[in-house]
Amino acid sequence: MIKGILILFGFASGVVVAAGTFAFIAAIGIVPRMAQRTKTKQYIRLYEDAILLGGLSGCIFMFRNIQMHLPIWSVSIIALLCGIFVGVLAMALAEVLNVMPILMRRAKLQKGITWFVVSFALGKLFGSLLYFFIDGFYQL
């Protein structure tokens, strides 16, 4: 009896968290904005389906304890794509909150805005590489 209640509670909690995550992605408008910027509006349904299938497959892989023995190059590509998604999500959130225009106005930046954004991305990349490749880096 107690075990069934815990399973139901865990499942309901997971559904709420997943719904919140997808609602957040929809609320900040990442998919239409990404399609608009890349001039691929005709593929919006495909982007949405890919996000949904990625979430579902990740959930299935976690709960079924499925292991895939992939070559290192394919794992690197998957990690790169995950990083791109997180970066796009973070930049969309920053854009919605108008962080960049306020920062540019306060810093009185007129030129080189593209390089400024690229430097943010490269800083995040190098920070992630240090974190994952240097043992104990996060304890320094």
C-alpha atoms as a PDB file:
ATOM      1  CA  MET A   1       0.000   0.000   0.000  1.00  0.00           C
ATOM      2  CA  ILE A   2       2.690   2.477   1.071  1.00  0.00           C
ATOM      3  CA  LYS A   3       4.871   1.438  -1.866  1.00  0.00           C
ATOM      4  CA  GLY A   4       2.030   2.191  -4.321  1.00  0.00           C
ATOM      5  CA  ILE A   5       1.491   5.624  -2.789  1.00  0.00           C
ATOM      6  CA  LEU A   6       5.222   6.410  -3.075  1.00  0.00           C
ATOM      7  CA  ILE A   7       5.260   5.283  -6.708  1.00  0.00           C
ATOM      8  CA  LEU A   8       2.220   7.444  -7.467  1.00  0.00           C
ATOM      9  CA  PHE A   9       3.740  10.420  -5.636  1.00  0.00           C
ATOM     10  CA  GLY A  10       7.066  10.026  -7.473  1.00  0.00           C
ATOM     11  CA  PHE A  11       5.354   9.715 -10.839  1.00  0.00           C
ATOM     12  CA  ALA A  12       3.156  12.759 -10.168  1.00  0.00           C
ATOM     13  CA  SER A  13       6.192  14.779  -9.081  1.00  0.00           C
ATOM     14  CA  GLY A  14       8.040  13.840 -12.253  1.00  0.00           C
ATOM     15  CA  VAL A  15       5.060  14.830 -14.385  1.00  0.00           C
ATOM     16  CA  VAL A  16       4.877  18.223 -12.649  1.00  0.00           C
ATOM     17  CA  VAL A  17       8.601  18.881 -13.109  1.00  0.00           C
ATOM     18  CA  ALA A  18       8.491  17.838 -16.774  1.00  0.00           C
ATOM     19  CA  ALA A  19       5.402  19.968 -17.404  1.00  0.00           C
ATOM     20  CA  GLY A  20       7.115  22.923 -15.747  1.00  0.00           C
ATOM     21  CA  THR A  21      10.229  22.476 -17.855  1.00  0.00           C
ATOM     22  CA  PHE A  22       8.307  22.269 -21.116  1.00  0.00           C
ATOM     23  CA  ALA A  23       6.074  25.190 -20.066  1.00  0.00           C
ATOM     24  CA  PHE A  24       9.212  27.219 -19.360  1.00  0.00           C
ATOM     25  CA  ILE A  25      10.630  26.406 -22.792  1.00  0.00           C
ATOM     26  CA  ALA A  26       7.305  27.360 -24.390  1.00  0.00           C
ATOM     27  CA  ALA A  27       6.903  30.530 -22.315  1.00  0.00           C
ATOM     28  CA  ILE A  28      10.242  32.008 -23.298  1.00  0.00           C
ATOM     29  CA  GLY A  29       9.524  31.127 -26.917  1.00  0.00           C
ATOM     30  CA  ILE A  30      12.821  29.407 -27.614  1.00  0.00           C
ATOM     31  CA  VAL A  31      11.558  27.269 -30.500  1.00  0.00           C
ATOM     32  CA  PRO A  32       9.939  30.020 -32.601  1.00  0.00           C
ATOM     33  CA  ARG A  33      12.802  32.412 -31.850  1.00  0.00           C
ATOM     34  CA  MET A  34      15.410  29.830 -32.860  1.00  0.00           C
ATOM     35  CA  ALA A  35      13.474  29.041 -36.048  1.00  0.00           C
ATOM     36  CA  GLN A  36      13.180  32.736 -36.847  1.00  0.00           C
ATOM     37  CA  ARG A  37      16.891  33.402 -36.312  1.00  0.00           C
ATOM     38  CA  THR A  38      17.953  30.428 -38.414  1.00  0.00           C
ATOM     39  CA  LYS A  39      15.303  31.111 -41.078  1.00  0.00           C
ATOM     40  CA  THR A  40      13.831  27.617 -40.673  1.00  0.00           C
ATOM     41  CA  LYS A  41      10.253  28.417 -39.648  1.00  0.00           C
ATOM     42  CA  GLN A  42       8.951  25.489 -41.691  1.00  0.00           C
ATOM     43  CA  TYR A  43      10.641  23.083 -39.226  1.00  0.00           C
ATOM     44  CA  ILE A  44       9.071  24.359 -35.977  1.00  0.00           C
ATOM     45  CA  ARG A  45       7.038  21.154 -35.544  1.00  0.00           C
ATOM     46  CA  LEU A  46      10.199  19.107 -36.050  1.00  0.00           C
ATOM     47  CA  TYR A  47      12.045  21.137 -33.371  1.00  0.00           C
ATOM     48  CA  GLU A  48       9.185  20.684 -30.912  1.00  0.00           C
ATOM     49  CA  ASP A  49       8.996  16.954 -31.630  1.00  0.00           C
ATOM     50  CA  ALA A  50      12.767  16.608 -31.158  1.00  0.00           C
ATOM     51  CA  ILE A  51      12.606  18.318 -27.751  1.00  0.00           C
ATOM     52  CA  LEU A  52       9.719  16.100 -26.685  1.00  0.00           C
ATOM     53  CA  LEU A  53      11.350  12.899 -27.946  1.00  0.00           C
ATOM     54  CA  GLY A  54      14.630  13.865 -26.276  1.00  0.00           C
ATOM     55  CA  GLY A  55      12.885  14.300 -22.929  1.00  0.00           C
ATOM     56  CA  LEU A  56      10.981  11.047 -23.272  1.00  0.00           C
ATOM     57  CA  SER A  57      13.963   9.009 -24.379  1.00  0.00           C
ATOM     58  CA  GLY A  58      16.089  10.452 -21.563  1.00  0.00           C
ATOM     59  CA  CYS A  59      13.409   9.436 -19.075  1.00  0.00           C
ATOM     60  CA  ILE A  60      13.144   5.934 -20.521  1.00  0.00           C
ATOM     61  CA  PHE A  61      16.924   5.486 -20.542  1.00  0.00           C
ATOM     62  CA  MET A  62      17.147   6.546 -16.897  1.00  0.00           C
ATOM     63  CA  PHE A  63      14.359   4.357 -15.567  1.00  0.00           C
ATOM     64  CA  ARG A  64      15.020   1.256 -17.647  1.00  0.00           C
ATOM     65  CA  ASN A  65      18.769   1.450 -16.998  1.00  0.00           C
ATOM     66  CA  ILE A  66      19.489   1.033 -20.693  1.00  0.00           C
ATOM     67  CA  GLN A  67      23.157   1.224 -21.543  1.00  0.00           C
ATOM     68  CA  MET A  68      24.472   2.035 -24.973  1.00  0.00           C
ATOM     69  CA  HIS A  69      28.046   1.287 -25.917  1.00  0.00           C
ATOM     70  CA  LEU A  70      28.783   4.062 -28.369  1.00  0.00           C
ATOM     71  CA  PRO A  71      32.095   5.118 -29.885  1.00  0.00           C
ATOM     72  CA  ILE A  72      33.678   8.155 -28.241  1.00  0.00           C
ATOM     73  CA  TRP A  73      33.123  10.359 -31.301  1.00  0.00           C
ATOM     74  CA  SER A  74      29.343   9.831 -31.182  1.00  0.00           C
ATOM     75  CA  VAL A  75      29.240  10.576 -27.457  1.00  0.00           C
ATOM     76  CA  SER A  76      31.186  13.770 -28.177  1.00  0.00           C
ATOM     77  CA  ILE A  77      28.620  14.799 -30.790  1.00  0.00           C
ATOM     78  CA  ILE A  78      25.749  14.116 -28.387  1.00  0.00           C
ATOM     79  CA  ALA A  79      27.485  16.138 -25.660  1.00  0.00           C
ATOM     80  CA  LEU A  80      28.060  19.000 -28.107  1.00  0.00           C
ATOM     81  CA  LEU A  81      24.393  19.020 -29.119  1.00  0.00           C
ATOM     82  CA  CYS A  82      23.294  18.992 -25.465  1.00  0.00           C
ATOM     83  CA  GLY A  83      25.615  21.907 -24.767  1.00  0.00           C
ATOM     84  CA  ILE A  84      24.255  23.838 -27.736  1.00  0.00           C
ATOM     85  CA  PHE A  85      20.709  23.292 -26.470  1.00  0.00           C
ATOM     86  CA  VAL A  86      21.579  24.516 -22.970  1.00  0.00           C
ATOM     87  CA  GLY A  87      23.386  27.534 -24.422  1.00  0.00           C
ATOM     88  CA  VAL A  88      20.465  28.422 -26.678  1.00  0.00           C
ATOM     89  CA  LEU A  89      18.092  28.045 -23.738  1.00  0.00           C
ATOM     90  CA  ALA A  90      20.248  30.312 -21.545  1.00  0.00           C
ATOM     91  CA  MET A  91      20.579  32.965 -24.246  1.00  0.00           C
ATOM     92  CA  ALA A  92      16.833  32.876 -24.930  1.00  0.00           C
ATOM     93  CA  LEU A  93      16.164  33.392 -21.235  1.00  0.00           C
ATOM     94  CA  ALA A  94      18.641  36.270 -21.142  1.00  0.00           C
ATOM     95  CA  GLU A  95      16.982  37.789 -24.198  1.00  0.00           C
ATOM     96  CA  VAL A  96      13.511  37.492 -22.688  1.00  0.00           C
ATOM     97  CA  LEU A  97      14.708  39.180 -19.516  1.00  0.00           C
ATOM     98  CA  ASN A  98      16.402  41.885 -21.613  1.00  0.00           C
ATOM     99  CA  VAL A  99      19.717  41.255 -19.894  1.00  0.00           C
ATOM    100  CA  MET A 100      21.847  41.898 -22.965  1.00  0.00           C
ATOM    101  CA  PRO A 101      20.311  45.254 -24.009  1.00  0.00           C
ATOM    102  CA  ILE A 102      20.555  46.576 -20.444  1.00  0.00           C
ATOM    103  CA  LEU A 103      24.161  45.378 -20.128  1.00  0.00           C
ATOM    104  CA  MET A 104      25.075  46.899 -23.506  1.00  0.00           C
ATOM    105  CA  ARG A 105      23.466  50.213 -22.579  1.00  0.00           C
ATOM    106  CA  ARG A 106      25.195  50.387 -19.193  1.00  0.00           C
ATOM    107  CA  ALA A 107      28.561  49.371 -20.630  1.00  0.00           C
ATOM    108  CA  LYS A 108      28.058  51.896 -23.465  1.00  0.00           C
ATOM    109  CA  LEU A 109      28.906  49.267 -26.067  1.00  0.00           C
ATOM    110  CA  GLN A 110      28.063  50.295 -29.618  1.00  0.00           C
ATOM    111  CA  LYS A 111      30.277  47.983 -31.652  1.00  0.00           C
ATOM    112  CA  GLY A 112      31.521  44.460 -31.114  1.00  0.00           C
ATOM    113  CA  ILE A 113      28.333  43.140 -29.535  1.00  0.00           C
ATOM    114  CA  THR A 114      28.696  39.911 -31.493  1.00  0.00           C
ATOM    115  CA  TRP A 115      32.187  39.382 -30.067  1.00  0.00           C
ATOM    116  CA  PHE A 116      30.850  40.117 -26.600  1.00  0.00           C
ATOM    117  CA  VAL A 117      28.230  37.352 -26.901  1.00  0.00           C
ATOM    118  CA  VAL A 118      30.772  34.953 -28.441  1.00  0.00           C
ATOM    119  CA  SER A 119      33.136  35.628 -25.524  1.00  0.00           C
ATOM    120  CA  PHE A 120      30.330  34.655 -23.101  1.00  0.00           C
ATOM    121  CA  ALA A 121      29.862  31.396 -24.975  1.00  0.00           C
ATOM    122  CA  LEU A 122      33.602  30.649 -25.121  1.00  0.00           C
ATOM    123  CA  GLY A 123      33.961  31.401 -21.413  1.00  0.00           C
ATOM    124  CA  LYS A 124      31.183  28.951 -20.657  1.00  0.00           C
ATOM    125  CA  LEU A 125      32.816  26.366 -22.932  1.00  0.00           C
ATOM    126  CA  PHE A 126      36.261  26.666 -21.337  1.00  0.00           C
ATOM    127  CA  GLY A 127      34.765  26.659 -17.836  1.00  0.00           C
ATOM    128  CA  SER A 128      32.900  23.451 -18.641  1.00  0.00           C
ATOM    129  CA  LEU A 129      36.013  21.840 -20.100  1.00  0.00           C
ATOM    130  CA  LEU A 130      38.023  22.719 -16.977  1.00  0.00           C
ATOM    131  CA  TYR A 131      35.280  21.342 -14.757  1.00  0.00           C
ATOM    132  CA  PHE A 132      34.992  18.032 -16.581  1.00  0.00           C
ATOM    133  CA  PHE A 133      38.613  17.326 -17.516  1.00  0.00           C
ATOM    134  CA  ILE A 134      40.553  18.468 -14.429  1.00  0.00           C
ATOM    135  CA  ASP A 135      39.868  16.201 -11.458  1.00  0.00           C
ATOM    136  CA  GLY A 136      39.035  18.162  -8.337  1.00  0.00           C
ATOM    137  CA  PHE A 137      38.799  21.495 -10.194  1.00  0.00           C
ATOM    138  CA  TYR A 138      35.465  22.295  -8.571  1.00  0.00           C
ATOM    139  CA  GLN A 139      37.076  21.953  -5.132  1.00  0.00           C
ATOM    140  CA  LEU A 140      39.807  24.519  -5.825  1.00  0.00           C
END
